[in-house]
Amino acid sequence: MRIKPFHSPLRGIGLATVWHDHARCPIAQSIAPADQLPGKGLNLPRCPYCAMLDRWPTPPPPVEEGP
């Protein structure tokens, strides 16, 4: 699921400074909301994981356990 693009001076668990726009991206999730700056930053590339998640189908809903 797409979210508003953000970037951060902190990389979280990432190895490069990039901008993010996918809610399921583990790198985007590792950056605290207080450290997220709106927008794509100045000449930053898009996170490759966010791009990859755009190409993957939506995962199935979780299976509910019986009693």
PDB file of N, CA and C in Angstrom:
ATOM      1  N   MET A   1       0.850  -1.180   0.000  1.00  0.00           N
ATOM      2  CA  MET A   1       0.000   0.000   0.000  1.00  0.00           C
ATOM      3  C   MET A   1       0.896   1.243   0.000  1.00  0.00           C
ATOM      4  N   ARG A   2       0.581   2.149  -0.856  1.00  0.00           N
ATOM      5  CA  ARG A   2       1.356   3.381  -0.963  1.00  0.00           C
ATOM      6  C   ARG A   2       1.035   4.327   0.200  1.00  0.00           C
ATOM      7  N   ILE A   3       2.060   5.033   0.632  1.00  0.00           N
ATOM      8  CA  ILE A   3       1.930   6.085   1.638  1.00  0.00           C
ATOM      9  C   ILE A   3       2.539   7.349   1.046  1.00  0.00           C
ATOM     10  N   LYS A   4       2.348   8.479   1.710  1.00  0.00           N
ATOM     11  CA  LYS A   4       2.968   9.718   1.231  1.00  0.00           C
ATOM     12  C   LYS A   4       4.482   9.568   1.305  1.00  0.00           C
ATOM     13  N   PRO A   5       5.196   9.996   0.262  1.00  0.00           N
ATOM     14  CA  PRO A   5       6.656   9.845   0.264  1.00  0.00           C
ATOM     15  C   PRO A   5       7.300  10.588   1.436  1.00  0.00           C
ATOM     16  N   PHE A   6       8.348   9.957   1.972  1.00  0.00           N
ATOM     17  CA  PHE A   6       9.136  10.613   3.012  1.00  0.00           C
ATOM     18  C   PHE A   6      10.588  10.175   2.884  1.00  0.00           C
ATOM     19  N   HIS A   7      11.450  10.977   3.467  1.00  0.00           N
ATOM     20  CA  HIS A   7      12.869  10.643   3.559  1.00  0.00           C
ATOM     21  C   HIS A   7      13.307  10.959   4.978  1.00  0.00           C
ATOM     22  N   SER A   8      14.519  10.590   5.309  1.00  0.00           N
ATOM     23  CA  SER A   8      15.001  10.808   6.669  1.00  0.00           C
ATOM     24  C   SER A   8      16.518  10.948   6.664  1.00  0.00           C
ATOM     25  N   PRO A   9      17.044  11.779   7.557  1.00  0.00           N
ATOM     26  CA  PRO A   9      18.504  11.835   7.689  1.00  0.00           C
ATOM     27  C   PRO A   9      19.034  10.549   8.329  1.00  0.00           C
ATOM     28  N   LEU A  10      18.134   9.794   8.954  1.00  0.00           N
ATOM     29  CA  LEU A  10      18.498   8.506   9.548  1.00  0.00           C
ATOM     30  C   LEU A  10      18.081   7.402   8.584  1.00  0.00           C
ATOM     31  N   ARG A  11      18.870   6.382   8.448  1.00  0.00           N
ATOM     32  CA  ARG A  11      18.591   5.327   7.476  1.00  0.00           C
ATOM     33  C   ARG A  11      17.788   4.171   8.052  1.00  0.00           C
ATOM     34  N   GLY A  12      17.579   4.130   9.347  1.00  0.00           N
ATOM     35  CA  GLY A  12      16.936   2.960   9.929  1.00  0.00           C
ATOM     36  C   GLY A  12      17.843   1.763   9.705  1.00  0.00           C
ATOM     37  N   ILE A  13      17.282   0.672   9.205  1.00  0.00           N
ATOM     38  CA  ILE A  13      18.091  -0.518   8.925  1.00  0.00           C
ATOM     39  C   ILE A  13      18.644  -0.508   7.499  1.00  0.00           C
ATOM     40  N   GLY A  14      18.416   0.564   6.766  1.00  0.00           N
ATOM     41  CA  GLY A  14      18.869   0.658   5.371  1.00  0.00           C
ATOM     42  C   GLY A  14      20.351   0.980   5.264  1.00  0.00           C
ATOM     43  N   LEU A  15      20.897   0.726   4.083  1.00  0.00           N
ATOM     44  CA  LEU A  15      22.315   0.985   3.824  1.00  0.00           C
ATOM     45  C   LEU A  15      22.558   2.263   3.046  1.00  0.00           C
ATOM     46  N   ALA A  16      21.480   2.875   2.530  1.00  0.00           N
ATOM     47  CA  ALA A  16      21.625   4.083   1.722  1.00  0.00           C
ATOM     48  C   ALA A  16      20.527   5.077   2.097  1.00  0.00           C
ATOM     49  N   THR A  17      20.773   6.343   1.815  1.00  0.00           N
ATOM     50  CA  THR A  17      19.771   7.376   2.055  1.00  0.00           C
ATOM     51  C   THR A  17      18.861   7.435   0.839  1.00  0.00           C
ATOM     52  N   VAL A  18      17.591   7.103   1.034  1.00  0.00           N
ATOM     53  CA  VAL A  18      16.608   7.033  -0.048  1.00  0.00           C
ATOM     54  C   VAL A  18      15.285   7.596   0.447  1.00  0.00           C
ATOM     55  N   TRP A  19      14.305   7.721  -0.455  1.00  0.00           N
ATOM     56  CA  TRP A  19      12.964   8.090  -0.025  1.00  0.00           C
ATOM     57  C   TRP A  19      12.064   6.859  -0.115  1.00  0.00           C
ATOM     58  N   HIS A  20      11.025   6.853   0.708  1.00  0.00           N
ATOM     59  CA  HIS A  20      10.139   5.698   0.835  1.00  0.00           C
ATOM     60  C   HIS A  20       8.701   6.096   0.530  1.00  0.00           C
ATOM     61  N   ASP A  21       7.917   5.119   0.042  1.00  0.00           N
ATOM     62  CA  ASP A  21       6.493   5.378  -0.206  1.00  0.00           C
ATOM     63  C   ASP A  21       5.637   4.106  -0.137  1.00  0.00           C
ATOM     64  N   HIS A  22       6.118   3.079   0.562  1.00  0.00           N
ATOM     65  CA  HIS A  22       5.342   1.845   0.667  1.00  0.00           C
ATOM     66  C   HIS A  22       5.223   1.442   2.134  1.00  0.00           C
ATOM     67  N   ALA A  23       3.978   1.197   2.580  1.00  0.00           N
ATOM     68  CA  ALA A  23       3.711   0.897   3.987  1.00  0.00           C
ATOM     69  C   ALA A  23       4.331  -0.421   4.444  1.00  0.00           C
ATOM     70  N   ARG A  24       4.523  -1.377   3.529  1.00  0.00           N
ATOM     71  CA  ARG A  24       5.060  -2.678   3.922  1.00  0.00           C
ATOM     72  C   ARG A  24       6.582  -2.751   3.855  1.00  0.00           C
ATOM     73  N   CYS A  25       7.232  -1.684   3.507  1.00  0.00           N
ATOM     74  CA  CYS A  25       8.697  -1.682   3.406  1.00  0.00           C
ATOM     75  C   CYS A  25       9.316  -1.791   4.804  1.00  0.00           C
ATOM     76  N   PRO A  26      10.133  -2.832   5.048  1.00  0.00           N
ATOM     77  CA  PRO A  26      10.725  -2.986   6.378  1.00  0.00           C
ATOM     78  C   PRO A  26      11.702  -1.855   6.729  1.00  0.00           C
ATOM     79  N   ILE A  27      12.347  -1.293   5.738  1.00  0.00           N
ATOM     80  CA  ILE A  27      13.273  -0.193   6.017  1.00  0.00           C
ATOM     81  C   ILE A  27      12.486   1.055   6.409  1.00  0.00           C
ATOM     82  N   ALA A  28      11.412   1.352   5.672  1.00  0.00           N
ATOM     83  CA  ALA A  28      10.568   2.496   6.025  1.00  0.00           C
ATOM     84  C   ALA A  28       9.977   2.319   7.421  1.00  0.00           C
ATOM     85  N   GLN A  29       9.588   1.093   7.746  1.00  0.00           N
ATOM     86  CA  GLN A  29       9.009   0.815   9.066  1.00  0.00           C
ATOM     87  C   GLN A  29      10.037   0.979  10.188  1.00  0.00           C
ATOM     88  N   SER A  30      11.322   0.861   9.870  1.00  0.00           N
ATOM     89  CA  SER A  30      12.359   0.966  10.899  1.00  0.00           C
ATOM     90  C   SER A  30      12.695   2.417  11.246  1.00  0.00           C
ATOM     91  N   ILE A  31      12.116   3.374  10.518  1.00  0.00           N
ATOM     92  CA  ILE A  31      12.384   4.792  10.773  1.00  0.00           C
ATOM     93  C   ILE A  31      11.228   5.360  11.590  1.00  0.00           C
ATOM     94  N   ALA A  32      11.528   5.879  12.756  1.00  0.00           N
ATOM     95  CA  ALA A  32      10.498   6.423  13.652  1.00  0.00           C
ATOM     96  C   ALA A  32       9.759   7.572  12.965  1.00  0.00           C
ATOM     97  N   PRO A  33       8.445   7.673  13.184  1.00  0.00           N
ATOM     98  CA  PRO A  33       7.677   8.764  12.577  1.00  0.00           C
ATOM     99  C   PRO A  33       8.264  10.151  12.856  1.00  0.00           C
ATOM    100  N   ALA A  34       8.832  10.342  14.029  1.00  0.00           N
ATOM    101  CA  ALA A  34       9.425  11.639  14.367  1.00  0.00           C
ATOM    102  C   ALA A  34      10.634  11.964  13.489  1.00  0.00           C
ATOM    103  N   ASP A  35      11.255  10.945  12.901  1.00  0.00           N
ATOM    104  CA  ASP A  35      12.440  11.139  12.061  1.00  0.00           C
ATOM    105  C   ASP A  35      12.121  11.176  10.574  1.00  0.00           C
ATOM    106  N   GLN A  36      10.834  11.101  10.206  1.00  0.00           N
ATOM    107  CA  GLN A  36      10.424  11.099   8.805  1.00  0.00           C
ATOM    108  C   GLN A  36      10.132  12.531   8.346  1.00  0.00           C
ATOM    109  N   LEU A  37      10.773  12.921   7.254  1.00  0.00           N
ATOM    110  CA  LEU A  37      10.552  14.240   6.673  1.00  0.00           C
ATOM    111  C   LEU A  37       9.720  14.078   5.403  1.00  0.00           C
ATOM    112  N   PRO A  38       8.700  14.916   5.200  1.00  0.00           N
ATOM    113  CA  PRO A  38       7.848  14.752   4.026  1.00  0.00           C
ATOM    114  C   PRO A  38       8.599  14.998   2.718  1.00  0.00           C
ATOM    115  N   GLY A  39       8.197  14.272   1.696  1.00  0.00           N
ATOM    116  CA  GLY A  39       8.758  14.475   0.372  1.00  0.00           C
ATOM    117  C   GLY A  39       9.865  13.503   0.029  1.00  0.00           C
ATOM    118  N   LYS A  40      10.403  13.696  -1.164  1.00  0.00           N
ATOM    119  CA  LYS A  40      11.395  12.778  -1.721  1.00  0.00           C
ATOM    120  C   LYS A  40      12.835  13.224  -1.495  1.00  0.00           C
ATOM    121  N   GLY A  41      13.021  14.326  -0.792  1.00  0.00           N
ATOM    122  CA  GLY A  41      14.373  14.803  -0.564  1.00  0.00           C
ATOM    123  C   GLY A  41      14.969  15.397  -1.824  1.00  0.00           C
ATOM    124  N   LEU A  42      16.180  15.828  -1.736  1.00  0.00           N
ATOM    125  CA  LEU A  42      16.856  16.477  -2.859  1.00  0.00           C
ATOM    126  C   LEU A  42      17.713  15.449  -3.597  1.00  0.00           C
ATOM    127  N   ASN A  43      17.264  15.057  -4.775  1.00  0.00           N
ATOM    128  CA  ASN A  43      17.990  14.102  -5.624  1.00  0.00           C
ATOM    129  C   ASN A  43      18.223  12.742  -4.977  1.00  0.00           C
ATOM    130  N   LEU A  44      17.317  12.314  -4.092  1.00  0.00           N
ATOM    131  CA  LEU A  44      17.455  10.991  -3.491  1.00  0.00           C
ATOM    132  C   LEU A  44      16.766   9.957  -4.386  1.00  0.00           C
ATOM    133  N   PRO A  45      17.339   8.760  -4.479  1.00  0.00           N
ATOM    134  CA  PRO A  45      16.666   7.711  -5.240  1.00  0.00           C
ATOM    135  C   PRO A  45      15.539   7.089  -4.406  1.00  0.00           C
ATOM    136  N   ARG A  46      14.614   6.437  -5.106  1.00  0.00           N
ATOM    137  CA  ARG A  46      13.539   5.738  -4.423  1.00  0.00           C
ATOM    138  C   ARG A  46      14.094   4.457  -3.803  1.00  0.00           C
ATOM    139  N   CYS A  47      13.569   4.096  -2.667  1.00  0.00           N
ATOM    140  CA  CYS A  47      13.972   2.867  -1.987  1.00  0.00           C
ATOM    141  C   CYS A  47      13.710   1.668  -2.900  1.00  0.00           C
ATOM    142  N   PRO A  48      14.695   0.816  -3.118  1.00  0.00           N
ATOM    143  CA  PRO A  48      14.480  -0.334  -3.990  1.00  0.00           C
ATOM    144  C   PRO A  48      13.466  -1.328  -3.424  1.00  0.00           C
ATOM    145  N   TYR A  49      13.345  -1.391  -2.114  1.00  0.00           N
ATOM    146  CA  TYR A  49      12.360  -2.297  -1.515  1.00  0.00           C
ATOM    147  C   TYR A  49      10.945  -1.785  -1.742  1.00  0.00           C
ATOM    148  N   CYS A  50      10.748  -0.472  -1.647  1.00  0.00           N
ATOM    149  CA  CYS A  50       9.428   0.097  -1.950  1.00  0.00           C
ATOM    150  C   CYS A  50       9.055  -0.200  -3.399  1.00  0.00           C
ATOM    151  N   ALA A  51      10.012  -0.062  -4.303  1.00  0.00           N
ATOM    152  CA  ALA A  51       9.757  -0.339  -5.717  1.00  0.00           C
ATOM    153  C   ALA A  51       9.441  -1.818  -5.928  1.00  0.00           C
ATOM    154  N   MET A  52      10.165  -2.690  -5.261  1.00  0.00           N
ATOM    155  CA  MET A  52       9.935  -4.123  -5.392  1.00  0.00           C
ATOM    156  C   MET A  52       8.546  -4.503  -4.871  1.00  0.00           C
ATOM    157  N   LEU A  53       8.143  -3.908  -3.762  1.00  0.00           N
ATOM    158  CA  LEU A  53       6.833  -4.208  -3.196  1.00  0.00           C
ATOM    159  C   LEU A  53       5.698  -3.767  -4.118  1.00  0.00           C
ATOM    160  N   ASP A  54       5.928  -2.745  -4.931  1.00  0.00           N
ATOM    161  CA  ASP A  54       4.919  -2.327  -5.912  1.00  0.00           C
ATOM    162  C   ASP A  54       4.670  -3.415  -6.953  1.00  0.00           C
ATOM    163  N   ARG A  55       5.690  -4.195  -7.246  1.00  0.00           N
ATOM    164  CA  ARG A  55       5.571  -5.234  -8.272  1.00  0.00           C
ATOM    165  C   ARG A  55       4.985  -6.531  -7.729  1.00  0.00           C
ATOM    166  N   TRP A  56       5.018  -6.718  -6.402  1.00  0.00           N
ATOM    167  CA  TRP A  56       4.498  -7.952  -5.809  1.00  0.00           C
ATOM    168  C   TRP A  56       3.005  -7.845  -5.587  1.00  0.00           C
ATOM    169  N   PRO A  57       2.296  -8.961  -5.716  1.00  0.00           N
ATOM    170  CA  PRO A  57       0.857  -8.926  -5.416  1.00  0.00           C
ATOM    171  C   PRO A  57       0.634  -8.736  -3.921  1.00  0.00           C
ATOM    172  N   THR A  58      -0.543  -8.291  -3.590  1.00  0.00           N
ATOM    173  CA  THR A  58      -0.899  -8.114  -2.188  1.00  0.00           C
ATOM    174  C   THR A  58      -0.915  -9.481  -1.509  1.00  0.00           C
ATOM    175  N   PRO A  59      -0.319  -9.598  -0.323  1.00  0.00           N
ATOM    176  CA  PRO A  59      -0.306 -10.896   0.349  1.00  0.00           C
ATOM    177  C   PRO A  59      -1.717 -11.297   0.784  1.00  0.00           C
ATOM    178  N   PRO A  60      -1.965 -12.593   0.899  1.00  0.00           N
ATOM    179  CA  PRO A  60      -3.296 -13.019   1.345  1.00  0.00           C
ATOM    180  C   PRO A  60      -3.531 -12.605   2.795  1.00  0.00           C
ATOM    181  N   PRO A  61      -4.794 -12.485   3.194  1.00  0.00           N
ATOM    182  CA  PRO A  61      -5.064 -12.135   4.590  1.00  0.00           C
ATOM    183  C   PRO A  61      -4.595 -13.259   5.499  1.00  0.00           C
ATOM    184  N   PRO A  62      -4.280 -12.948   6.754  1.00  0.00           N
ATOM    185  CA  PRO A  62      -3.818 -13.989   7.675  1.00  0.00           C
ATOM    186  C   PRO A  62      -4.916 -15.023   7.923  1.00  0.00           C
ATOM    187  N   VAL A  63      -4.499 -16.251   8.133  1.00  0.00           N
ATOM    188  CA  VAL A  63      -5.433 -17.332   8.420  1.00  0.00           C
ATOM    189  C   VAL A  63      -5.812 -17.258   9.889  1.00  0.00           C
ATOM    190  N   GLU A  64      -7.106 -17.268  10.148  1.00  0.00           N
ATOM    191  CA  GLU A  64      -7.561 -17.205  11.532  1.00  0.00           C
ATOM    192  C   GLU A  64      -7.488 -18.594  12.142  1.00  0.00           C
ATOM    193  N   GLU A  65      -6.953 -18.648  13.332  1.00  0.00           N
ATOM    194  CA  GLU A  65      -6.834 -19.909  14.053  1.00  0.00           C
ATOM    195  C   GLU A  65      -8.186 -20.294  14.637  1.00  0.00           C
ATOM    196  N   GLY A  66      -8.469 -21.578  14.639  1.00  0.00           N
ATOM    197  CA  GLY A  66      -9.713 -22.074  15.232  1.00  0.00           C
ATOM    198  C   GLY A  66      -9.624 -22.102  16.750  1.00  0.00           C
ATOM    199  N   PRO A  67     -10.738 -22.442  17.417  1.00  0.00           N
ATOM    200  CA  PRO A  67     -10.729 -22.478  18.905  1.00  0.00           C
ATOM    201  C   PRO A  67      -9.831 -23.529  19.480  1.00  0.00           C
TER     202      PRO A  67
END
